[in-house]
Amino acid sequence: PFRSCSLVEGPAFIGKDVLLTQFIAEGIKYGIPSLVVLTNSSTSKFRKRIVEMDPKLEEREKSGLVSYVDCHAKTVGLMGKNPFAIYLNGVQDLDALLNSIERFESGYSENYFYHRIIFDSLSSILRTHGVNKTLDFMNTLSAKIKAYNGIALFDLAGGIHKQEDINSLEHSVDGSLVLKEDMGRYYMMVKGLEDVKSNKWVEYGFNERNVDIRGSYNLNYIK
């Protein structure tokens, strides 16, 4: 939904990266500016994922539709050279991270009605700073995103965090997309997000280029 922040929760190899990338690729194809915040992969690596879905990525970058805040490249000794990225030294300085995100958002707000953000991944913040500082960070960031008319998805790795920490983080967002695998089939549950009333699991499939939700939405209910 417009002006919302959501967690995307689930284990590895379940299509979360495809969902996040598709969210960005779809937006820029329709002229919606997008910001990619990276904490566990580099800008160059993520760009390869987007190009699979949108070969015109370089053209869209030059037109100002795609920007990056890269908190990973320098931590593994890579030289960040993308002119559309800000490179930070990891996630230790949360104020610097917030300021970098706001720098792009304020620019978007001058020329566009709204924008999209993905944060890949919030787990790096939680592991480094603990749940209390992460909550403070999320509350501040969510307020800024909504003030600038943004829509954001935050990746949160499943299986490595305490459930009580995940429950706490859910209070700082508008909803969650929870993904799981069961006997070789994949399911998604939507929690929160305005008028969604049902917490039933909806089956989905995915490949390298898209996520295909095999349920339907009718009268704001999932069935």
Protein backbone atom coordinates (compact mmCIF):
# COMPACT_ATOMS: atom_id res chain seq x y z
CA PRO A 1 0.00 0.00 0.00
CA PHE A 2 0.95 3.65 -0.53
CA ARG A 3 3.15 5.12 2.22
CA SER A 4 3.80 1.76 3.91
CA CYS A 5 6.75 -0.24 5.22
CA SER A 6 6.64 -4.04 5.26
CA LEU A 7 8.87 -6.88 6.37
CA VAL A 8 9.55 -9.76 3.99
CA GLU A 9 10.28 -12.68 6.33
CA GLY A 10 11.54 -16.12 5.38
CA PRO A 11 14.56 -18.41 5.02
CA ALA A 12 17.08 -18.45 2.18
CA PHE A 13 16.38 -19.95 -1.25
CA ILE A 14 12.67 -19.26 -1.09
CA GLY A 15 12.33 -16.40 -3.58
CA LYS A 16 12.69 -13.37 -1.33
CA ASP A 17 15.48 -11.92 -3.45
CA VAL A 18 13.35 -12.36 -6.57
CA LEU A 19 10.38 -10.66 -4.91
CA LEU A 20 12.48 -7.67 -3.80
CA THR A 21 14.15 -7.31 -7.19
CA GLN A 22 10.85 -7.63 -9.03
CA PHE A 23 9.41 -4.87 -6.83
CA ILE A 24 12.19 -2.54 -8.01
CA ALA A 25 12.25 -3.68 -11.65
CA GLU A 26 8.50 -3.27 -12.01
CA GLY A 27 8.60 0.23 -10.55
CA ILE A 28 11.35 1.64 -12.73
CA LYS A 29 9.70 0.29 -15.88
CA TYR A 30 6.76 2.57 -15.04
CA GLY A 31 8.94 5.56 -14.21
CA ILE A 32 8.83 5.16 -10.41
CA PRO A 33 12.18 6.05 -8.80
CA SER A 34 13.67 3.36 -6.59
CA LEU A 35 16.33 3.18 -3.91
CA VAL A 36 18.18 -0.05 -3.15
CA VAL A 37 19.83 -0.29 0.30
CA LEU A 38 22.34 -3.14 0.48
CA THR A 39 23.93 -4.57 3.61
CA ASN A 40 24.88 -8.10 2.54
CA SER A 41 25.58 -7.83 -1.19
CA SER A 42 27.31 -5.28 -3.41
CA THR A 43 25.75 -2.88 -5.89
CA SER A 44 27.41 -4.67 -8.82
CA LYS A 45 25.99 -8.02 -7.71
CA PHE A 46 22.49 -6.63 -7.22
CA ARG A 47 22.56 -4.88 -10.60
CA LYS A 48 22.97 -8.27 -12.28
CA ARG A 49 19.70 -9.39 -10.68
CA ILE A 50 17.82 -6.35 -11.96
CA VAL A 51 19.26 -6.64 -15.47
CA GLU A 52 17.76 -10.14 -15.70
CA MET A 53 14.34 -8.50 -15.36
CA ASP A 54 15.04 -5.14 -17.02
CA PRO A 55 17.86 -4.95 -19.60
CA LYS A 56 17.43 -1.16 -19.74
CA LEU A 57 18.77 -0.70 -16.21
CA GLU A 58 21.74 1.49 -17.19
CA GLU A 59 19.45 3.82 -19.12
CA ARG A 60 17.12 4.10 -16.13
CA GLU A 61 20.05 4.79 -13.79
CA LYS A 62 21.20 7.66 -15.97
CA SER A 63 17.69 9.13 -15.94
CA GLY A 64 17.72 9.12 -12.12
CA LEU A 65 15.30 6.26 -11.54
CA VAL A 66 17.64 3.93 -9.64
CA SER A 67 20.05 4.74 -6.80
CA TYR A 68 21.91 2.66 -4.24
CA VAL A 69 23.18 2.89 -0.67
CA ASP A 70 25.84 0.18 -0.45
CA CYS A 71 26.94 -0.84 3.06
CA HIS A 72 28.63 -4.04 1.88
CA ALA A 73 31.20 -3.42 -0.83
CA LYS A 74 33.81 -1.65 1.31
CA THR A 75 33.55 -4.26 4.08
CA VAL A 76 34.82 -6.95 1.69
CA GLY A 77 37.49 -4.81 0.05
CA LEU A 78 35.63 -3.92 -3.13
CA MET A 79 36.09 -0.56 -4.80
CA GLY A 80 32.70 1.03 -5.23
CA LYS A 81 32.58 2.74 -8.62
CA ASN A 82 28.89 3.07 -9.42
CA PRO A 83 28.18 6.82 -9.84
CA PHE A 84 24.60 6.33 -8.66
CA ALA A 85 25.59 4.80 -5.32
CA ILE A 86 26.70 6.02 -1.91
CA TYR A 87 29.22 3.63 -0.35
CA LEU A 88 29.33 3.34 3.46
CA ASN A 89 31.72 1.48 5.73
CA GLY A 90 29.27 -1.14 6.95
CA VAL A 91 26.22 -0.62 9.14
CA GLN A 92 27.89 0.57 12.34
CA ASP A 93 26.94 4.22 11.82
CA LEU A 94 23.15 4.21 11.66
CA ASP A 95 22.95 8.00 11.49
CA ALA A 96 25.10 8.00 8.36
CA LEU A 97 22.84 5.33 6.88
CA LEU A 98 19.70 7.32 7.67
CA ASN A 99 21.20 10.49 6.21
CA SER A 100 22.20 8.70 3.01
CA ILE A 101 18.72 7.28 2.53
CA GLU A 102 17.11 10.67 3.22
CA ARG A 103 19.43 12.35 0.72
CA PHE A 104 17.94 10.27 -2.09
CA GLU A 105 14.39 10.45 -0.78
CA SER A 106 14.39 14.23 -0.56
CA GLY A 107 15.57 14.39 -4.16
CA TYR A 108 12.83 12.04 -5.30
CA SER A 109 10.15 14.07 -3.55
CA GLU A 110 11.05 17.15 -5.57
CA ASN A 111 10.28 15.47 -8.89
CA TYR A 112 8.05 12.45 -8.25
CA PHE A 113 4.85 11.70 -6.40
CA TYR A 114 6.21 8.59 -4.69
CA HIS A 115 9.12 6.15 -4.77
CA ARG A 116 10.05 2.59 -3.81
CA ILE A 117 12.73 1.28 -1.45
CA ILE A 118 14.07 -2.18 -0.70
CA PHE A 119 16.34 -2.86 2.26
CA ASP A 120 18.42 -5.99 1.74
CA SER A 121 18.80 -6.88 4.55
CA LEU A 122 17.52 -5.69 7.92
CA SER A 123 19.09 -8.78 9.47
CA SER A 124 22.53 -7.14 9.27
CA ILE A 125 21.28 -4.23 11.38
CA LEU A 126 19.67 -6.56 13.92
CA ARG A 127 22.78 -8.73 14.29
CA THR A 128 25.06 -5.72 14.67
CA HIS A 129 22.99 -3.48 16.95
CA GLY A 130 20.47 -5.69 18.74
CA VAL A 131 16.72 -5.35 18.81
CA ASN A 132 16.38 -2.08 20.76
CA LYS A 133 18.65 0.01 18.52
CA THR A 134 17.16 -1.66 15.46
CA LEU A 135 13.67 -0.68 16.63
CA ASP A 136 14.77 2.93 17.11
CA PHE A 137 16.33 2.89 13.64
CA MET A 138 13.22 1.38 12.06
CA ASN A 139 10.84 3.81 13.76
CA THR A 140 12.89 6.77 12.53
CA LEU A 141 13.34 5.38 9.03
CA SER A 142 9.68 4.40 8.65
CA ALA A 143 8.58 7.91 9.60
CA LYS A 144 10.94 9.43 7.02
CA ILE A 145 9.84 7.03 4.28
CA LYS A 146 6.18 7.88 4.84
CA ALA A 147 6.92 11.60 5.00
CA TYR A 148 8.49 11.35 1.54
CA ASN A 149 5.63 9.18 0.16
CA GLY A 150 7.71 6.03 -0.07
CA ILE A 151 6.81 2.34 -0.17
CA ALA A 152 9.43 0.07 1.38
CA LEU A 153 10.14 -3.64 1.71
CA PHE A 154 12.64 -4.86 4.32
CA ASP A 155 14.19 -8.30 3.98
CA LEU A 156 14.42 -10.20 7.28
CA ALA A 157 16.11 -13.60 7.30
CA GLY A 158 14.15 -16.43 8.85
CA GLY A 159 15.63 -18.96 11.24
CA ILE A 160 18.47 -16.81 12.60
CA HIS A 161 16.59 -14.37 14.84
CA LYS A 162 14.59 -14.90 18.00
CA GLN A 163 10.85 -14.91 17.40
CA GLU A 164 10.35 -12.28 20.09
CA ASP A 165 12.75 -9.97 18.23
CA ILE A 166 10.81 -10.48 14.99
CA ASN A 167 7.55 -9.79 16.84
CA SER A 168 9.04 -6.57 18.19
CA LEU A 169 10.13 -5.41 14.74
CA GLU A 170 6.65 -6.02 13.37
CA HIS A 171 5.44 -3.20 15.61
CA SER A 172 7.61 -0.76 13.64
CA VAL A 173 6.08 -1.60 10.24
CA ASP A 174 2.64 -1.72 8.64
CA GLY A 175 2.64 -5.41 7.83
CA SER A 176 4.60 -8.49 6.88
CA LEU A 177 4.91 -10.90 3.99
CA VAL A 178 5.87 -14.24 5.55
CA LEU A 179 7.27 -16.89 3.21
CA LYS A 180 7.77 -20.59 3.89
CA GLU A 181 8.47 -23.88 2.14
CA ASP A 182 6.57 -27.06 2.92
CA MET A 183 7.16 -30.37 1.13
CA GLY A 184 8.58 -28.66 -1.93
CA ARG A 185 5.76 -26.11 -2.22
CA TYR A 186 5.98 -22.42 -1.35
CA TYR A 187 3.47 -20.37 0.63
CA MET A 188 3.03 -16.70 1.53
CA MET A 189 1.02 -15.13 4.32
CA VAL A 190 0.11 -11.44 4.43
CA LYS A 191 -0.15 -9.90 7.89
CA GLY A 192 -1.44 -6.39 8.45
CA LEU A 193 -1.35 -4.08 5.41
CA GLU A 194 -4.56 -2.11 5.68
CA ASP A 195 -7.67 -4.12 4.88
CA VAL A 196 -6.23 -7.63 4.56
CA LYS A 197 -8.35 -9.65 6.96
CA SER A 198 -7.23 -13.22 6.41
CA ASN A 199 -3.98 -14.78 7.62
CA LYS A 200 -4.29 -17.86 5.42
CA TRP A 201 -1.33 -19.20 3.47
CA VAL A 202 -1.44 -18.58 -0.29
CA GLU A 203 0.69 -20.73 -2.59
CA TYR A 204 3.25 -19.12 -4.90
CA GLY A 205 5.96 -20.15 -7.30
CA PHE A 206 9.08 -18.37 -8.48
CA ASN A 207 11.92 -18.45 -10.96
CA GLU A 208 14.87 -16.14 -11.61
CA ARG A 209 12.66 -13.39 -13.02
CA ASN A 210 9.38 -13.30 -11.12
CA VAL A 211 7.23 -14.46 -8.25
CA ASP A 212 3.85 -15.87 -9.23
CA ILE A 213 1.20 -15.74 -6.48
CA ARG A 214 -1.33 -18.48 -7.11
CA GLY A 215 -4.05 -17.20 -4.81
CA SER A 216 -6.34 -14.24 -5.37
CA TYR A 217 -7.38 -11.03 -3.66
CA ASN A 218 -11.10 -10.27 -3.57
CA LEU A 219 -12.88 -7.56 -1.57
CA ASN A 220 -9.64 -7.00 0.40
CA TYR A 221 -9.59 -10.62 1.55
CA ILE A 222 -7.10 -13.31 0.62
CA LYS A 223 -8.66 -16.58 -0.43
